[in-house]
Amino acid sequence: MPDSIILFYGLLFLVAFLYASVGHGGASGYLALMAIFSIAPEVMKPTALLLNLFVSLTSFIQFYRGKHFLWKIFLPLALASVPLAFIGGLVVVDGSVYKKMLGLLLLIPVARFLFFSNTPASELKKSNPVLSMFIGAAIGFLSGLIGIGGGIILSPVLLFLKWTDQKQTAAISALFIFVNSLSGLAGQLTKGIHFSANMVWYVAIAFAGGLFGAYFGALRFKQTILKNVLAVVLLLAAFKLLFTHA
C-alpha cells in the first residue's frame, strides 16, 4: 500500500474522531482532506456526504445518551433544511468555483472552534421557530450544494443566538447533519454520482474514528485542545483551496 494512502487513512480516522467529539459528521474535514490529496470534486461531494451519515449518526446517539438533545429546537430547523438540501444536491458547480466556495466555507468552522465559547445555562434564550425555519432553509440549500451536512454552519449560529450550550449544540447538529446529508445525497443520486474504489475502507475508517470520538467527546473529556487543533488543520486546507491551483 503506498505511503500516501496510509497517510490519507490515518488522517481520515483523526478527522472523524475530532469532528465526532464535537458533534459533527466531518464533511468539511473530509472535503478538506480530499482537497489536500487532490481528489476530484465530483468524487468529493458524495463521498463526504456518505461518510457524514455514519459518523453523524454515531455522534448523535452518544450525545443523545448524554441527555443533551432538544427536539423543540431541532424540528423547525430540520423541516426547512431537508427539502432545500435535496434541491442543493441537484445543482452542479464548476470544479474551480466549488473549491473556492469550499475554501471560504471552511473559515466558518475555524471561527466556531476558536472564538465561540460555551454559554452558561443562566444566559440561554428561548428559540424562535420562524427564525429557525429560515436558518434551516438557508443552511440546507448550502449543505446540498457543497456536500456537507450543515453542522459547521448551524453550530456557531446556535451558540451566537444563545439557544443552546455546546453539548446541546453538538447533539442537535449531529442529527441535523445526518438528515441533511441523506437529503443532499438523494439529490445528487438523481444526477449520477462517483465514489472512490476504496469507498469501503473510507467508511470503515471514518466510522471507527467517529465511534471513538463521539464516545469521548460526549461522555469523557473537555474539547478545547481538540477544537484548536482542528481549526488549524481547516485553516491550512482553506488556504490551499483559495490560494493554490492543486
C-alpha atoms as a PDB file:
ATOM      1  CA  MET A   1       0.000   0.000   0.000  1.00  0.00           C
ATOM      2  CA  PRO A   2       1.524   3.403  -0.993  1.00  0.00           C
ATOM      3  CA  ASP A   3       2.619   5.681   1.845  1.00  0.00           C
ATOM      4  CA  SER A   4       0.239   8.410   0.635  1.00  0.00           C
ATOM      5  CA  ILE A   5      -2.759   6.078   1.056  1.00  0.00           C
ATOM      6  CA  ILE A   6      -1.661   5.094   4.560  1.00  0.00           C
ATOM      7  CA  LEU A   7      -1.289   8.770   5.463  1.00  0.00           C
ATOM      8  CA  PHE A   8      -4.726   9.547   3.999  1.00  0.00           C
ATOM      9  CA  TYR A   9      -6.358   6.755   6.028  1.00  0.00           C
ATOM     10  CA  GLY A  10      -4.641   7.896   9.228  1.00  0.00           C
ATOM     11  CA  LEU A  11      -5.760  11.475   8.724  1.00  0.00           C
ATOM     12  CA  LEU A  12      -9.279  10.311   7.841  1.00  0.00           C
ATOM     13  CA  PHE A  13      -9.527   8.488  11.174  1.00  0.00           C
ATOM     14  CA  LEU A  14      -8.248  11.577  13.002  1.00  0.00           C
ATOM     15  CA  VAL A  15     -10.669  13.932  11.243  1.00  0.00           C
ATOM     16  CA  ALA A  16     -13.647  11.660  12.022  1.00  0.00           C
ATOM     17  CA  PHE A  17     -12.525  11.378  15.642  1.00  0.00           C
ATOM     18  CA  LEU A  18     -12.094  15.122  16.115  1.00  0.00           C
ATOM     19  CA  TYR A  19     -15.350  16.092  14.409  1.00  0.00           C
ATOM     20  CA  ALA A  20     -17.445  13.466  16.169  1.00  0.00           C
ATOM     21  CA  SER A  21     -16.020  14.607  19.517  1.00  0.00           C
ATOM     22  CA  VAL A  22     -17.743  17.975  18.990  1.00  0.00           C
ATOM     23  CA  GLY A  23     -20.944  16.546  17.472  1.00  0.00           C
ATOM     24  CA  HIS A  24     -20.153  16.988  13.771  1.00  0.00           C
ATOM     25  CA  GLY A  25     -20.247  14.483  10.919  1.00  0.00           C
ATOM     26  CA  GLY A  26     -16.964  15.764   9.495  1.00  0.00           C
ATOM     27  CA  ALA A  27     -17.875  16.557   5.887  1.00  0.00           C
ATOM     28  CA  SER A  28     -15.907  19.803   5.809  1.00  0.00           C
ATOM     29  CA  GLY A  29     -12.921  17.931   7.222  1.00  0.00           C
ATOM     30  CA  TYR A  30     -13.236  15.098   4.696  1.00  0.00           C
ATOM     31  CA  LEU A  31     -13.575  17.628   1.889  1.00  0.00           C
ATOM     32  CA  ALA A  32     -10.514  19.493   3.124  1.00  0.00           C
ATOM     33  CA  LEU A  33      -8.553  16.251   3.350  1.00  0.00           C
ATOM     34  CA  MET A  34      -9.596  15.134  -0.121  1.00  0.00           C
ATOM     35  CA  ALA A  35      -8.700  18.563  -1.492  1.00  0.00           C
ATOM     36  CA  ILE A  36      -5.217  18.269   0.019  1.00  0.00           C
ATOM     37  CA  PHE A  37      -4.819  14.869  -1.665  1.00  0.00           C
ATOM     38  CA  SER A  38      -6.154  16.304  -4.980  1.00  0.00           C
ATOM     39  CA  ILE A  39      -9.247  14.109  -5.258  1.00  0.00           C
ATOM     40  CA  ALA A  40     -11.696  15.252  -7.965  1.00  0.00           C
ATOM     41  CA  PRO A  41     -14.641  17.446  -6.826  1.00  0.00           C
ATOM     42  CA  GLU A  42     -17.203  15.096  -8.402  1.00  0.00           C
ATOM     43  CA  VAL A  43     -15.939  12.366  -6.077  1.00  0.00           C
ATOM     44  CA  MET A  44     -15.510  14.639  -3.048  1.00  0.00           C
ATOM     45  CA  LYS A  45     -19.150  15.706  -2.606  1.00  0.00           C
ATOM     46  CA  PRO A  46     -20.910  12.310  -2.474  1.00  0.00           C
ATOM     47  CA  THR A  47     -18.031  10.743  -0.537  1.00  0.00           C
ATOM     48  CA  ALA A  48     -18.193  13.403   2.175  1.00  0.00           C
ATOM     49  CA  LEU A  49     -21.972  13.051   2.483  1.00  0.00           C
ATOM     50  CA  LEU A  50     -21.828   9.267   2.718  1.00  0.00           C
ATOM     51  CA  LEU A  51     -19.153   9.377   5.414  1.00  0.00           C
ATOM     52  CA  ASN A  52     -21.242  12.014   7.183  1.00  0.00           C
ATOM     53  CA  LEU A  53     -24.152   9.592   7.519  1.00  0.00           C
ATOM     54  CA  PHE A  54     -22.142   7.069   9.506  1.00  0.00           C
ATOM     55  CA  VAL A  55     -20.207   9.484  11.693  1.00  0.00           C
ATOM     56  CA  SER A  56     -23.008  11.944  12.481  1.00  0.00           C
ATOM     57  CA  LEU A  57     -25.452   9.177  13.470  1.00  0.00           C
ATOM     58  CA  THR A  58     -22.851   7.670  15.790  1.00  0.00           C
ATOM     59  CA  SER A  59     -22.188  11.090  17.292  1.00  0.00           C
ATOM     60  CA  PHE A  60     -25.904  11.815  17.728  1.00  0.00           C
ATOM     61  CA  ILE A  61     -26.506   8.539  19.600  1.00  0.00           C
ATOM     62  CA  GLN A  62     -23.752   9.300  22.094  1.00  0.00           C
ATOM     63  CA  PHE A  63     -24.828  12.894  22.730  1.00  0.00           C
ATOM     64  CA  TYR A  64     -28.483  11.771  22.942  1.00  0.00           C
ATOM     65  CA  ARG A  65     -27.482   9.217  25.567  1.00  0.00           C
ATOM     66  CA  GLY A  66     -25.881  12.076  27.455  1.00  0.00           C
ATOM     67  CA  LYS A  67     -29.318  13.807  27.522  1.00  0.00           C
ATOM     68  CA  HIS A  68     -28.199  16.846  25.544  1.00  0.00           C
ATOM     69  CA  PHE A  69     -30.715  16.710  22.646  1.00  0.00           C
ATOM     70  CA  LEU A  70     -33.629  19.185  22.309  1.00  0.00           C
ATOM     71  CA  TRP A  71     -36.405  18.245  19.868  1.00  0.00           C
ATOM     72  CA  LYS A  72     -38.130  21.645  20.087  1.00  0.00           C
ATOM     73  CA  ILE A  73     -35.076  23.357  18.584  1.00  0.00           C
ATOM     74  CA  PHE A  74     -34.198  20.622  16.112  1.00  0.00           C
ATOM     75  CA  LEU A  75     -37.586  20.120  14.418  1.00  0.00           C
ATOM     76  CA  PRO A  76     -38.188  23.554  12.803  1.00  0.00           C
ATOM     77  CA  LEU A  77     -34.575  23.632  11.611  1.00  0.00           C
ATOM     78  CA  ALA A  78     -34.818  20.193  10.021  1.00  0.00           C
ATOM     79  CA  LEU A  79     -38.277  20.641   8.497  1.00  0.00           C
ATOM     80  CA  ALA A  80     -36.991  23.576   6.445  1.00  0.00           C
ATOM     81  CA  SER A  81     -33.494  22.283   5.722  1.00  0.00           C
ATOM     82  CA  VAL A  82     -34.208  18.780   4.399  1.00  0.00           C
ATOM     83  CA  PRO A  83     -36.109  19.732   1.194  1.00  0.00           C
ATOM     84  CA  LEU A  84     -33.628  22.545   0.465  1.00  0.00           C
ATOM     85  CA  ALA A  85     -30.684  20.171   0.914  1.00  0.00           C
ATOM     86  CA  PHE A  86     -32.228  17.932  -1.761  1.00  0.00           C
ATOM     87  CA  ILE A  87     -32.552  20.903  -4.129  1.00  0.00           C
ATOM     88  CA  GLY A  88     -28.978  21.966  -3.406  1.00  0.00           C
ATOM     89  CA  GLY A  89     -27.807  18.461  -4.218  1.00  0.00           C
ATOM     90  CA  LEU A  90     -29.300  18.808  -7.703  1.00  0.00           C
ATOM     91  CA  VAL A  91     -27.060  21.768  -8.544  1.00  0.00           C
ATOM     92  CA  VAL A  92     -23.772  21.026 -10.330  1.00  0.00           C
ATOM     93  CA  VAL A  93     -20.971  23.527  -9.606  1.00  0.00           C
ATOM     94  CA  ASP A  94     -17.837  24.032 -11.729  1.00  0.00           C
ATOM     95  CA  GLY A  95     -14.787  22.389 -10.104  1.00  0.00           C
ATOM     96  CA  SER A  96     -12.710  25.553  -9.651  1.00  0.00           C
ATOM     97  CA  VAL A  97     -15.672  27.527  -8.317  1.00  0.00           C
ATOM     98  CA  TYR A  98     -16.537  24.648  -5.994  1.00  0.00           C
ATOM     99  CA  LYS A  99     -13.052  24.668  -4.447  1.00  0.00           C
ATOM    100  CA  LYS A 100     -13.197  28.422  -3.802  1.00  0.00           C
ATOM    101  CA  MET A 101     -16.627  28.098  -2.198  1.00  0.00           C
ATOM    102  CA  LEU A 102     -15.384  25.251  -0.036  1.00  0.00           C
ATOM    103  CA  GLY A 103     -12.314  27.242   0.978  1.00  0.00           C
ATOM    104  CA  LEU A 104     -14.480  30.127   2.176  1.00  0.00           C
ATOM    105  CA  LEU A 105     -16.859  27.741   3.915  1.00  0.00           C
ATOM    106  CA  LEU A 106     -14.006  26.158   5.889  1.00  0.00           C
ATOM    107  CA  LEU A 107     -13.389  29.518   7.561  1.00  0.00           C
ATOM    108  CA  ILE A 108     -16.747  29.177   9.358  1.00  0.00           C
ATOM    109  CA  PRO A 109     -15.767  26.162  11.496  1.00  0.00           C
ATOM    110  CA  VAL A 110     -12.388  27.799  12.139  1.00  0.00           C
ATOM    111  CA  ALA A 111     -14.220  30.762  13.677  1.00  0.00           C
ATOM    112  CA  ARG A 112     -16.596  28.437  15.517  1.00  0.00           C
ATOM    113  CA  PHE A 113     -13.809  26.370  17.084  1.00  0.00           C
ATOM    114  CA  LEU A 114     -11.597  29.311  18.023  1.00  0.00           C
ATOM    115  CA  PHE A 115     -13.983  32.062  19.078  1.00  0.00           C
ATOM    116  CA  PHE A 116     -17.272  30.574  20.323  1.00  0.00           C
ATOM    117  CA  SER A 117     -17.175  29.537  23.975  1.00  0.00           C
ATOM    118  CA  ASN A 118     -19.797  27.699  25.957  1.00  0.00           C
ATOM    119  CA  THR A 119     -22.926  29.604  27.005  1.00  0.00           C
ATOM    120  CA  PRO A 120     -23.854  29.306  30.713  1.00  0.00           C
ATOM    121  CA  ALA A 121     -27.334  27.892  31.367  1.00  0.00           C
ATOM    122  CA  SER A 122     -28.364  31.168  33.012  1.00  0.00           C
ATOM    123  CA  GLU A 123     -27.759  33.069  29.745  1.00  0.00           C
ATOM    124  CA  LEU A 124     -29.621  30.737  27.393  1.00  0.00           C
ATOM    125  CA  LYS A 125     -32.534  32.236  25.464  1.00  0.00           C
ATOM    126  CA  LYS A 126     -35.763  30.806  24.067  1.00  0.00           C
ATOM    127  CA  SER A 127     -35.543  29.764  20.407  1.00  0.00           C
ATOM    128  CA  ASN A 128     -37.694  31.328  17.669  1.00  0.00           C
ATOM    129  CA  PRO A 129     -39.381  28.681  15.445  1.00  0.00           C
ATOM    130  CA  VAL A 130     -39.938  31.057  12.492  1.00  0.00           C
ATOM    131  CA  LEU A 131     -36.333  32.254  12.506  1.00  0.00           C
ATOM    132  CA  SER A 132     -35.268  28.618  12.909  1.00  0.00           C
ATOM    133  CA  MET A 133     -37.009  27.684   9.663  1.00  0.00           C
ATOM    134  CA  PHE A 134     -35.305  30.495   7.737  1.00  0.00           C
ATOM    135  CA  ILE A 135     -31.940  29.449   9.153  1.00  0.00           C
ATOM    136  CA  GLY A 136     -32.625  25.787   8.381  1.00  0.00           C
ATOM    137  CA  ALA A 137     -33.644  26.524   4.789  1.00  0.00           C
ATOM    138  CA  ALA A 138     -30.521  28.582   4.038  1.00  0.00           C
ATOM    139  CA  ILE A 139     -28.153  26.082   5.610  1.00  0.00           C
ATOM    140  CA  GLY A 140     -29.948  23.159   3.963  1.00  0.00           C
ATOM    141  CA  PHE A 141     -29.501  24.514   0.451  1.00  0.00           C
ATOM    142  CA  LEU A 142     -25.833  25.294   1.016  1.00  0.00           C
ATOM    143  CA  SER A 143     -25.347  21.840   2.530  1.00  0.00           C
ATOM    144  CA  GLY A 144     -26.643  20.072  -0.547  1.00  0.00           C
ATOM    145  CA  LEU A 145     -24.740  22.384  -2.882  1.00  0.00           C
ATOM    146  CA  ILE A 146     -21.329  21.922  -1.242  1.00  0.00           C
ATOM    147  CA  GLY A 147     -21.698  18.368   0.026  1.00  0.00           C
ATOM    148  CA  ILE A 148     -21.813  18.888   3.788  1.00  0.00           C
ATOM    149  CA  GLY A 149     -24.393  18.265   6.480  1.00  0.00           C
ATOM    150  CA  GLY A 150     -24.528  21.880   7.599  1.00  0.00           C
ATOM    151  CA  GLY A 151     -23.470  21.379  11.200  1.00  0.00           C
ATOM    152  CA  ILE A 152     -20.401  23.576  10.841  1.00  0.00           C
ATOM    153  CA  ILE A 153     -22.698  26.482   9.925  1.00  0.00           C
ATOM    154  CA  LEU A 154     -25.519  25.664  12.334  1.00  0.00           C
ATOM    155  CA  SER A 155     -23.295  25.311  15.413  1.00  0.00           C
ATOM    156  CA  PRO A 156     -21.948  28.881  15.537  1.00  0.00           C
ATOM    157  CA  VAL A 157     -25.427  30.221  14.747  1.00  0.00           C
ATOM    158  CA  LEU A 158     -26.968  28.364  17.706  1.00  0.00           C
ATOM    159  CA  LEU A 159     -24.159  29.475  20.008  1.00  0.00           C
ATOM    160  CA  PHE A 160     -24.331  33.071  18.782  1.00  0.00           C
ATOM    161  CA  LEU A 161     -28.100  33.202  19.356  1.00  0.00           C
ATOM    162  CA  LYS A 162     -27.574  31.558  22.776  1.00  0.00           C
ATOM    163  CA  TRP A 163     -30.291  28.995  22.163  1.00  0.00           C
ATOM    164  CA  THR A 164     -28.089  26.079  23.267  1.00  0.00           C
ATOM    165  CA  ASP A 165     -24.901  25.301  25.162  1.00  0.00           C
ATOM    166  CA  GLN A 166     -22.031  23.424  23.500  1.00  0.00           C
ATOM    167  CA  LYS A 167     -23.237  19.901  24.338  1.00  0.00           C
ATOM    168  CA  GLN A 168     -26.799  20.689  23.213  1.00  0.00           C
ATOM    169  CA  THR A 169     -25.415  22.293  20.066  1.00  0.00           C
ATOM    170  CA  ALA A 170     -23.397  19.159  19.344  1.00  0.00           C
ATOM    171  CA  ALA A 171     -26.420  16.878  19.813  1.00  0.00           C
ATOM    172  CA  ILE A 172     -28.708  18.987  17.580  1.00  0.00           C
ATOM    173  CA  SER A 173     -26.020  19.487  14.931  1.00  0.00           C
ATOM    174  CA  ALA A 174     -25.297  15.756  14.741  1.00  0.00           C
ATOM    175  CA  LEU A 175     -28.860  14.784  13.786  1.00  0.00           C
ATOM    176  CA  PHE A 176     -29.210  17.893  11.601  1.00  0.00           C
ATOM    177  CA  ILE A 177     -26.111  16.742   9.697  1.00  0.00           C
ATOM    178  CA  PHE A 178     -27.489  13.228   9.286  1.00  0.00           C
ATOM    179  CA  VAL A 179     -30.861  14.245   7.788  1.00  0.00           C
ATOM    180  CA  ASN A 180     -29.334  16.881   5.503  1.00  0.00           C
ATOM    181  CA  SER A 181     -26.583  14.554   4.309  1.00  0.00           C
ATOM    182  CA  LEU A 182     -29.210  11.949   3.450  1.00  0.00           C
ATOM    183  CA  SER A 183     -31.294  14.529   1.576  1.00  0.00           C
ATOM    184  CA  GLY A 184     -28.314  16.052  -0.245  1.00  0.00           C
ATOM    185  CA  LEU A 185     -27.050  12.625  -1.276  1.00  0.00           C
ATOM    186  CA  ALA A 186     -30.521  11.757  -2.608  1.00  0.00           C
ATOM    187  CA  GLY A 187     -30.458  14.911  -4.710  1.00  0.00           C
ATOM    188  CA  GLN A 188     -27.030  14.026  -6.108  1.00  0.00           C
ATOM    189  CA  LEU A 189     -28.184  10.490  -6.932  1.00  0.00           C
ATOM    190  CA  THR A 190     -30.614  11.927  -9.467  1.00  0.00           C
ATOM    191  CA  LYS A 191     -27.639  13.422 -11.353  1.00  0.00           C
ATOM    192  CA  GLY A 192     -25.353  10.405 -11.052  1.00  0.00           C
ATOM    193  CA  ILE A 193     -22.513  10.195  -8.524  1.00  0.00           C
ATOM    194  CA  HIS A 194     -18.974   8.847  -8.417  1.00  0.00           C
ATOM    195  CA  PHE A 195     -17.310   7.078  -5.496  1.00  0.00           C
ATOM    196  CA  SER A 196     -13.698   6.061  -4.925  1.00  0.00           C
ATOM    197  CA  ALA A 197     -12.809   2.400  -5.468  1.00  0.00           C
ATOM    198  CA  ASN A 198     -11.646   2.431  -1.828  1.00  0.00           C
ATOM    199  CA  MET A 199     -15.007   3.623  -0.503  1.00  0.00           C
ATOM    200  CA  VAL A 200     -15.479   0.614   1.795  1.00  0.00           C
ATOM    201  CA  TRP A 201     -12.217   1.463   3.549  1.00  0.00           C
ATOM    202  CA  TYR A 202     -13.201   5.139   3.782  1.00  0.00           C
ATOM    203  CA  VAL A 203     -16.467   4.210   5.524  1.00  0.00           C
ATOM    204  CA  ALA A 204     -14.887   1.689   7.886  1.00  0.00           C
ATOM    205  CA  ILE A 205     -12.112   4.037   8.985  1.00  0.00           C
ATOM    206  CA  ALA A 206     -14.351   7.098   9.348  1.00  0.00           C
ATOM    207  CA  PHE A 207     -16.930   5.069  11.275  1.00  0.00           C
ATOM    208  CA  ALA A 208     -14.266   3.794  13.689  1.00  0.00           C
ATOM    209  CA  GLY A 209     -12.892   7.290  14.212  1.00  0.00           C
ATOM    210  CA  GLY A 210     -16.375   8.682  14.711  1.00  0.00           C
ATOM    211  CA  LEU A 211     -17.279   5.974  17.216  1.00  0.00           C
ATOM    212  CA  PHE A 212     -14.302   6.733  19.436  1.00  0.00           C
ATOM    213  CA  GLY A 213     -14.596  10.497  19.003  1.00  0.00           C
ATOM    214  CA  ALA A 214     -18.308  10.611  19.838  1.00  0.00           C
ATOM    215  CA  TYR A 215     -17.843   8.487  22.941  1.00  0.00           C
ATOM    216  CA  PHE A 216     -15.017  10.560  24.376  1.00  0.00           C
ATOM    217  CA  GLY A 217     -16.453  13.898  23.268  1.00  0.00           C
ATOM    218  CA  ALA A 218     -19.941  13.312  24.670  1.00  0.00           C
ATOM    219  CA  LEU A 219     -19.060  11.499  27.850  1.00  0.00           C
ATOM    220  CA  ARG A 220     -15.417  11.923  28.794  1.00  0.00           C
ATOM    221  CA  PHE A 221     -13.212  14.903  28.112  1.00  0.00           C
ATOM    222  CA  LYS A 222     -13.126  18.628  27.534  1.00  0.00           C
ATOM    223  CA  GLN A 223     -12.793  19.638  23.888  1.00  0.00           C
ATOM    224  CA  THR A 224     -10.686  22.839  23.896  1.00  0.00           C
ATOM    225  CA  ILE A 225      -7.402  21.361  22.684  1.00  0.00           C
ATOM    226  CA  LEU A 226      -9.108  19.226  20.022  1.00  0.00           C
ATOM    227  CA  LYS A 227     -11.023  22.212  18.663  1.00  0.00           C
ATOM    228  CA  ASN A 228      -7.866  24.286  18.366  1.00  0.00           C
ATOM    229  CA  VAL A 229      -6.019  21.515  16.521  1.00  0.00           C
ATOM    230  CA  LEU A 230      -8.930  21.015  14.156  1.00  0.00           C
ATOM    231  CA  ALA A 231      -9.169  24.762  13.490  1.00  0.00           C
ATOM    232  CA  VAL A 232      -5.518  24.881  12.396  1.00  0.00           C
ATOM    233  CA  VAL A 233      -5.989  21.918  10.033  1.00  0.00           C
ATOM    234  CA  LEU A 234      -9.058  23.505   8.444  1.00  0.00           C
ATOM    235  CA  LEU A 235      -7.282  26.838   8.092  1.00  0.00           C
ATOM    236  CA  LEU A 236      -4.449  25.162   6.174  1.00  0.00           C
ATOM    237  CA  ALA A 237      -6.920  23.402   3.903  1.00  0.00           C
ATOM    238  CA  ALA A 238      -8.831  26.652   3.280  1.00  0.00           C
ATOM    239  CA  PHE A 239      -5.571  28.376   2.309  1.00  0.00           C
ATOM    240  CA  LYS A 240      -4.762  25.582  -0.151  1.00  0.00           C
ATOM    241  CA  LEU A 241      -8.197  25.770  -1.769  1.00  0.00           C
ATOM    242  CA  LEU A 242      -8.275  29.560  -2.007  1.00  0.00           C
ATOM    243  CA  PHE A 243      -4.716  30.367  -2.994  1.00  0.00           C
ATOM    244  CA  THR A 244      -3.291  27.385  -4.875  1.00  0.00           C
ATOM    245  CA  HIS A 245      -4.299  25.511  -8.040  1.00  0.00           C
ATOM    246  CA  ALA A 246      -3.705  21.991  -6.645  1.00  0.00           C
END
